[in-house]
Amino acid sequence: MADNNQSHGDRSSTAGEHQPLNSDALAQLNSRGRGALDEKMGIEILEASPQRLVGRMPVAGNTQPFGLLHGGASVVLAESLGSIGTHLHAGLHRRIVGVDINATHHRSAKSGYVTAVAEAISLGRTLASYNISITDDQGRRTCTARITCLILEE
């Protein structure tokens, strides 16, 4: 089954203008456009376009029993950014589901925030993929993830 994926520099038939969201749209996304899990984990979107997203999450409240950032929390942050980016690419009338995600945890975080930068690998008609780098407050990489999302018709 061919997807006819296009690189993130190309336009797809489902993509509109790929401009970053302005501050009003970001505020709306952060207040109404997140799921319940994102809200519980304190995920905040700082920058968003189909090609690049930046988000952050507090370590506090998202730790495992030893007080370190839970690896699953990093995966939730990565999937949230990839899903939002795919939604911006495909259009808000489409349904987006993650179909593959992997993560490598490089170091722990104990306090402060982690910041994730998601960059599009491929934005196609039916699939979109992102690389996500997560760093701590000192800029040290804590996790590298990759997600592929499926774009469904409404």
C-alpha atoms as a PDB file:
ATOM      1  CA  MET A   1       0.000   0.000   0.000  1.00  0.00           C
ATOM      2  CA  ALA A   2       1.711   3.183  -1.154  1.00  0.00           C
ATOM      3  CA  ASP A   3       1.352   6.292   0.961  1.00  0.00           C
ATOM      4  CA  ASN A   4       2.859   8.813  -1.428  1.00  0.00           C
ATOM      5  CA  ASN A   5       4.574  10.465   1.524  1.00  0.00           C
ATOM      6  CA  GLN A   6       6.240  13.752   0.839  1.00  0.00           C
ATOM      7  CA  SER A   7       9.148  15.266   2.692  1.00  0.00           C
ATOM      8  CA  HIS A   8       8.323  18.028   5.139  1.00  0.00           C
ATOM      9  CA  GLY A   9       9.537  20.637   2.692  1.00  0.00           C
ATOM     10  CA  ASP A  10       6.892  19.719   0.116  1.00  0.00           C
ATOM     11  CA  ARG A  11       3.200  20.548   0.072  1.00  0.00           C
ATOM     12  CA  SER A  12       0.640  17.778   0.371  1.00  0.00           C
ATOM     13  CA  SER A  13      -2.873  17.830  -1.012  1.00  0.00           C
ATOM     14  CA  THR A  14      -4.235  17.725   2.547  1.00  0.00           C
ATOM     15  CA  ALA A  15      -2.015  20.454   3.922  1.00  0.00           C
ATOM     16  CA  GLY A  16      -2.959  24.087   4.165  1.00  0.00           C
ATOM     17  CA  GLU A  17      -0.478  26.847   4.729  1.00  0.00           C
ATOM     18  CA  HIS A  18       2.242  25.582   7.044  1.00  0.00           C
ATOM     19  CA  GLN A  19       2.706  28.707   9.132  1.00  0.00           C
ATOM     20  CA  PRO A  20       3.382  28.570  12.881  1.00  0.00           C
ATOM     21  CA  LEU A  21       0.364  29.249  15.066  1.00  0.00           C
ATOM     22  CA  ASN A  22       0.144  32.815  16.346  1.00  0.00           C
ATOM     23  CA  SER A  23      -0.026  33.558  20.076  1.00  0.00           C
ATOM     24  CA  ASP A  24      -3.852  33.603  20.138  1.00  0.00           C
ATOM     25  CA  ALA A  25      -4.080  30.230  18.401  1.00  0.00           C
ATOM     26  CA  LEU A  26      -1.438  28.787  20.757  1.00  0.00           C
ATOM     27  CA  ALA A  27      -3.408  30.047  23.760  1.00  0.00           C
ATOM     28  CA  GLN A  28      -6.548  28.403  22.374  1.00  0.00           C
ATOM     29  CA  LEU A  29      -4.669  25.145  21.734  1.00  0.00           C
ATOM     30  CA  ASN A  30      -3.320  25.130  25.290  1.00  0.00           C
ATOM     31  CA  SER A  31      -6.709  25.906  26.842  1.00  0.00           C
ATOM     32  CA  ARG A  32      -9.028  23.707  24.757  1.00  0.00           C
ATOM     33  CA  GLY A  33      -7.054  21.641  22.274  1.00  0.00           C
ATOM     34  CA  ARG A  34      -5.357  19.179  24.594  1.00  0.00           C
ATOM     35  CA  GLY A  35      -6.578  15.881  25.894  1.00  0.00           C
ATOM     36  CA  ALA A  36      -7.207  15.037  29.536  1.00  0.00           C
ATOM     37  CA  LEU A  37      -3.850  13.262  29.908  1.00  0.00           C
ATOM     38  CA  ASP A  38      -1.920  16.250  28.552  1.00  0.00           C
ATOM     39  CA  GLU A  39      -3.703  18.481  31.057  1.00  0.00           C
ATOM     40  CA  LYS A  40      -3.010  16.141  33.991  1.00  0.00           C
ATOM     41  CA  MET A  41       0.671  15.990  33.051  1.00  0.00           C
ATOM     42  CA  GLY A  42       0.971  19.765  32.651  1.00  0.00           C
ATOM     43  CA  ILE A  43       2.013  19.660  28.985  1.00  0.00           C
ATOM     44  CA  GLU A  44       2.182  23.117  27.429  1.00  0.00           C
ATOM     45  CA  ILE A  45       2.664  23.834  23.723  1.00  0.00           C
ATOM     46  CA  LEU A  46       5.091  26.717  23.144  1.00  0.00           C
ATOM     47  CA  GLU A  47       5.362  26.677  19.338  1.00  0.00           C
ATOM     48  CA  ALA A  48       3.372  24.771  16.729  1.00  0.00           C
ATOM     49  CA  SER A  49       3.413  24.292  12.979  1.00  0.00           C
ATOM     50  CA  PRO A  50       3.149  21.097  10.954  1.00  0.00           C
ATOM     51  CA  GLN A  51       6.935  21.070  10.481  1.00  0.00           C
ATOM     52  CA  ARG A  52       8.099  21.926  14.013  1.00  0.00           C
ATOM     53  CA  LEU A  53       6.580  21.925  17.476  1.00  0.00           C
ATOM     54  CA  VAL A  54       7.973  22.806  20.871  1.00  0.00           C
ATOM     55  CA  GLY A  55       6.357  21.793  24.135  1.00  0.00           C
ATOM     56  CA  ARG A  56       7.315  21.420  27.750  1.00  0.00           C
ATOM     57  CA  MET A  57       6.240  19.430  30.769  1.00  0.00           C
ATOM     58  CA  PRO A  58       7.081  19.708  34.475  1.00  0.00           C
ATOM     59  CA  VAL A  59       9.058  16.872  36.018  1.00  0.00           C
ATOM     60  CA  ALA A  60       7.131  17.275  39.300  1.00  0.00           C
ATOM     61  CA  GLY A  61       4.042  15.080  39.277  1.00  0.00           C
ATOM     62  CA  ASN A  62       5.385  12.952  36.401  1.00  0.00           C
ATOM     63  CA  THR A  63       7.956  10.863  38.259  1.00  0.00           C
ATOM     64  CA  GLN A  64       8.475   7.191  39.006  1.00  0.00           C
ATOM     65  CA  PRO A  65       8.909   5.954  42.613  1.00  0.00           C
ATOM     66  CA  PHE A  66      12.602   7.001  42.750  1.00  0.00           C
ATOM     67  CA  GLY A  67      11.775  10.649  41.991  1.00  0.00           C
ATOM     68  CA  LEU A  68      13.019  10.584  38.393  1.00  0.00           C
ATOM     69  CA  LEU A  69      10.953  11.611  35.379  1.00  0.00           C
ATOM     70  CA  HIS A  70       8.965   8.536  34.336  1.00  0.00           C
ATOM     71  CA  GLY A  71       9.966   7.260  30.892  1.00  0.00           C
ATOM     72  CA  GLY A  72       6.309   6.925  29.979  1.00  0.00           C
ATOM     73  CA  ALA A  73       5.825  10.635  30.636  1.00  0.00           C
ATOM     74  CA  SER A  74       8.458  11.419  27.999  1.00  0.00           C
ATOM     75  CA  VAL A  75       6.626   9.156  25.555  1.00  0.00           C
ATOM     76  CA  VAL A  76       3.322  10.935  26.259  1.00  0.00           C
ATOM     77  CA  LEU A  77       4.989  14.299  25.593  1.00  0.00           C
ATOM     78  CA  ALA A  78       6.467  12.997  22.322  1.00  0.00           C
ATOM     79  CA  GLU A  79       3.169  11.495  21.148  1.00  0.00           C
ATOM     80  CA  SER A  80       1.257  14.645  22.023  1.00  0.00           C
ATOM     81  CA  LEU A  81       3.541  16.832  19.901  1.00  0.00           C
ATOM     82  CA  GLY A  82       3.513  14.400  16.969  1.00  0.00           C
ATOM     83  CA  SER A  83      -0.268  14.114  17.064  1.00  0.00           C
ATOM     84  CA  ILE A  84      -0.787  17.878  17.245  1.00  0.00           C
ATOM     85  CA  GLY A  85       1.656  18.434  14.373  1.00  0.00           C
ATOM     86  CA  THR A  86      -0.117  15.817  12.275  1.00  0.00           C
ATOM     87  CA  HIS A  87      -3.466  17.458  13.030  1.00  0.00           C
ATOM     88  CA  LEU A  88      -2.125  20.828  11.900  1.00  0.00           C
ATOM     89  CA  HIS A  89      -0.798  19.210   8.708  1.00  0.00           C
ATOM     90  CA  ALA A  90      -3.897  17.180   7.836  1.00  0.00           C
ATOM     91  CA  GLY A  91      -6.587  19.612   8.948  1.00  0.00           C
ATOM     92  CA  LEU A  92      -8.748  19.730  12.037  1.00  0.00           C
ATOM     93  CA  HIS A  93     -11.546  17.807  10.303  1.00  0.00           C
ATOM     94  CA  ARG A  94      -9.365  14.655  10.162  1.00  0.00           C
ATOM     95  CA  ARG A  95      -8.862  12.093  12.939  1.00  0.00           C
ATOM     96  CA  ILE A  96      -5.277  11.349  13.974  1.00  0.00           C
ATOM     97  CA  VAL A  97      -4.025   8.195  15.716  1.00  0.00           C
ATOM     98  CA  GLY A  98      -0.501   7.209  16.652  1.00  0.00           C
ATOM     99  CA  VAL A  99       0.424   3.869  15.067  1.00  0.00           C
ATOM    100  CA  ASP A 100       4.108   3.567  16.024  1.00  0.00           C
ATOM    101  CA  ILE A 101       6.271   5.191  18.661  1.00  0.00           C
ATOM    102  CA  ASN A 102       9.685   4.384  20.069  1.00  0.00           C
ATOM    103  CA  ALA A 103      11.865   6.135  22.591  1.00  0.00           C
ATOM    104  CA  THR A 104      15.397   5.922  23.913  1.00  0.00           C
ATOM    105  CA  HIS A 105      15.964   7.367  27.387  1.00  0.00           C
ATOM    106  CA  HIS A 106      19.462   8.844  27.669  1.00  0.00           C
ATOM    107  CA  ARG A 107      19.532  10.384  31.150  1.00  0.00           C
ATOM    108  CA  SER A 108      17.195  11.163  34.013  1.00  0.00           C
ATOM    109  CA  ALA A 109      15.576  14.434  35.008  1.00  0.00           C
ATOM    110  CA  LYS A 110      14.799  15.130  38.670  1.00  0.00           C
ATOM    111  CA  SER A 111      13.328  18.627  38.714  1.00  0.00           C
ATOM    112  CA  GLY A 112      12.301  21.585  36.608  1.00  0.00           C
ATOM    113  CA  TYR A 113      10.914  21.054  33.132  1.00  0.00           C
ATOM    114  CA  VAL A 114      11.717  18.951  30.118  1.00  0.00           C
ATOM    115  CA  THR A 115      11.344  20.579  26.710  1.00  0.00           C
ATOM    116  CA  ALA A 116      10.535  18.642  23.557  1.00  0.00           C
ATOM    117  CA  VAL A 117      11.221  19.699  19.973  1.00  0.00           C
ATOM    118  CA  ALA A 118       9.380  17.698  17.319  1.00  0.00           C
ATOM    119  CA  GLU A 119      10.543  17.986  13.708  1.00  0.00           C
ATOM    120  CA  ALA A 120       8.659  16.486  10.791  1.00  0.00           C
ATOM    121  CA  ILE A 121      10.366  13.669   8.927  1.00  0.00           C
ATOM    122  CA  SER A 122       7.553  13.117   6.442  1.00  0.00           C
ATOM    123  CA  LEU A 123       4.116  14.690   5.995  1.00  0.00           C
ATOM    124  CA  GLY A 124       2.008  12.627   3.616  1.00  0.00           C
ATOM    125  CA  ARG A 125      -1.635  12.027   2.757  1.00  0.00           C
ATOM    126  CA  THR A 126      -2.115   9.135   5.187  1.00  0.00           C
ATOM    127  CA  LEU A 127       0.985   9.088   7.404  1.00  0.00           C
ATOM    128  CA  ALA A 128       3.079  11.683   9.197  1.00  0.00           C
ATOM    129  CA  SER A 129       6.303  10.994  11.110  1.00  0.00           C
ATOM    130  CA  TYR A 130       8.279  13.107  13.576  1.00  0.00           C
ATOM    131  CA  ASN A 131      11.606  12.968  15.401  1.00  0.00           C
ATOM    132  CA  ILE A 132      11.338  14.330  18.923  1.00  0.00           C
ATOM    133  CA  SER A 133      14.282  15.437  21.090  1.00  0.00           C
ATOM    134  CA  ILE A 134      13.593  16.006  24.777  1.00  0.00           C
ATOM    135  CA  THR A 135      16.031  17.970  26.940  1.00  0.00           C
ATOM    136  CA  ASP A 136      16.243  19.053  30.570  1.00  0.00           C
ATOM    137  CA  ASP A 137      16.582  22.620  31.852  1.00  0.00           C
ATOM    138  CA  GLN A 138      20.348  22.465  31.266  1.00  0.00           C
ATOM    139  CA  GLY A 139      19.854  21.521  27.601  1.00  0.00           C
ATOM    140  CA  ARG A 140      20.982  17.916  28.122  1.00  0.00           C
ATOM    141  CA  ARG A 141      19.136  15.340  26.042  1.00  0.00           C
ATOM    142  CA  THR A 142      17.012  13.074  28.200  1.00  0.00           C
ATOM    143  CA  CYS A 143      15.099  11.225  25.471  1.00  0.00           C
ATOM    144  CA  THR A 144      14.928  10.753  21.717  1.00  0.00           C
ATOM    145  CA  ALA A 145      11.647   9.513  20.238  1.00  0.00           C
ATOM    146  CA  ARG A 146      10.072   8.915  16.850  1.00  0.00           C
ATOM    147  CA  ILE A 147       6.353   8.705  16.135  1.00  0.00           C
ATOM    148  CA  THR A 148       4.270   7.854  13.094  1.00  0.00           C
ATOM    149  CA  CYS A 149       0.628   8.958  13.011  1.00  0.00           C
ATOM    150  CA  LEU A 150      -2.140   7.695  10.750  1.00  0.00           C
ATOM    151  CA  ILE A 151      -4.435  10.296   9.185  1.00  0.00           C
ATOM    152  CA  LEU A 152      -8.050   9.080   8.984  1.00  0.00           C
ATOM    153  CA  GLU A 153     -11.092  10.573   7.295  1.00  0.00           C
ATOM    154  CA  GLU A 154     -13.754  11.929   9.653  1.00  0.00           C
END
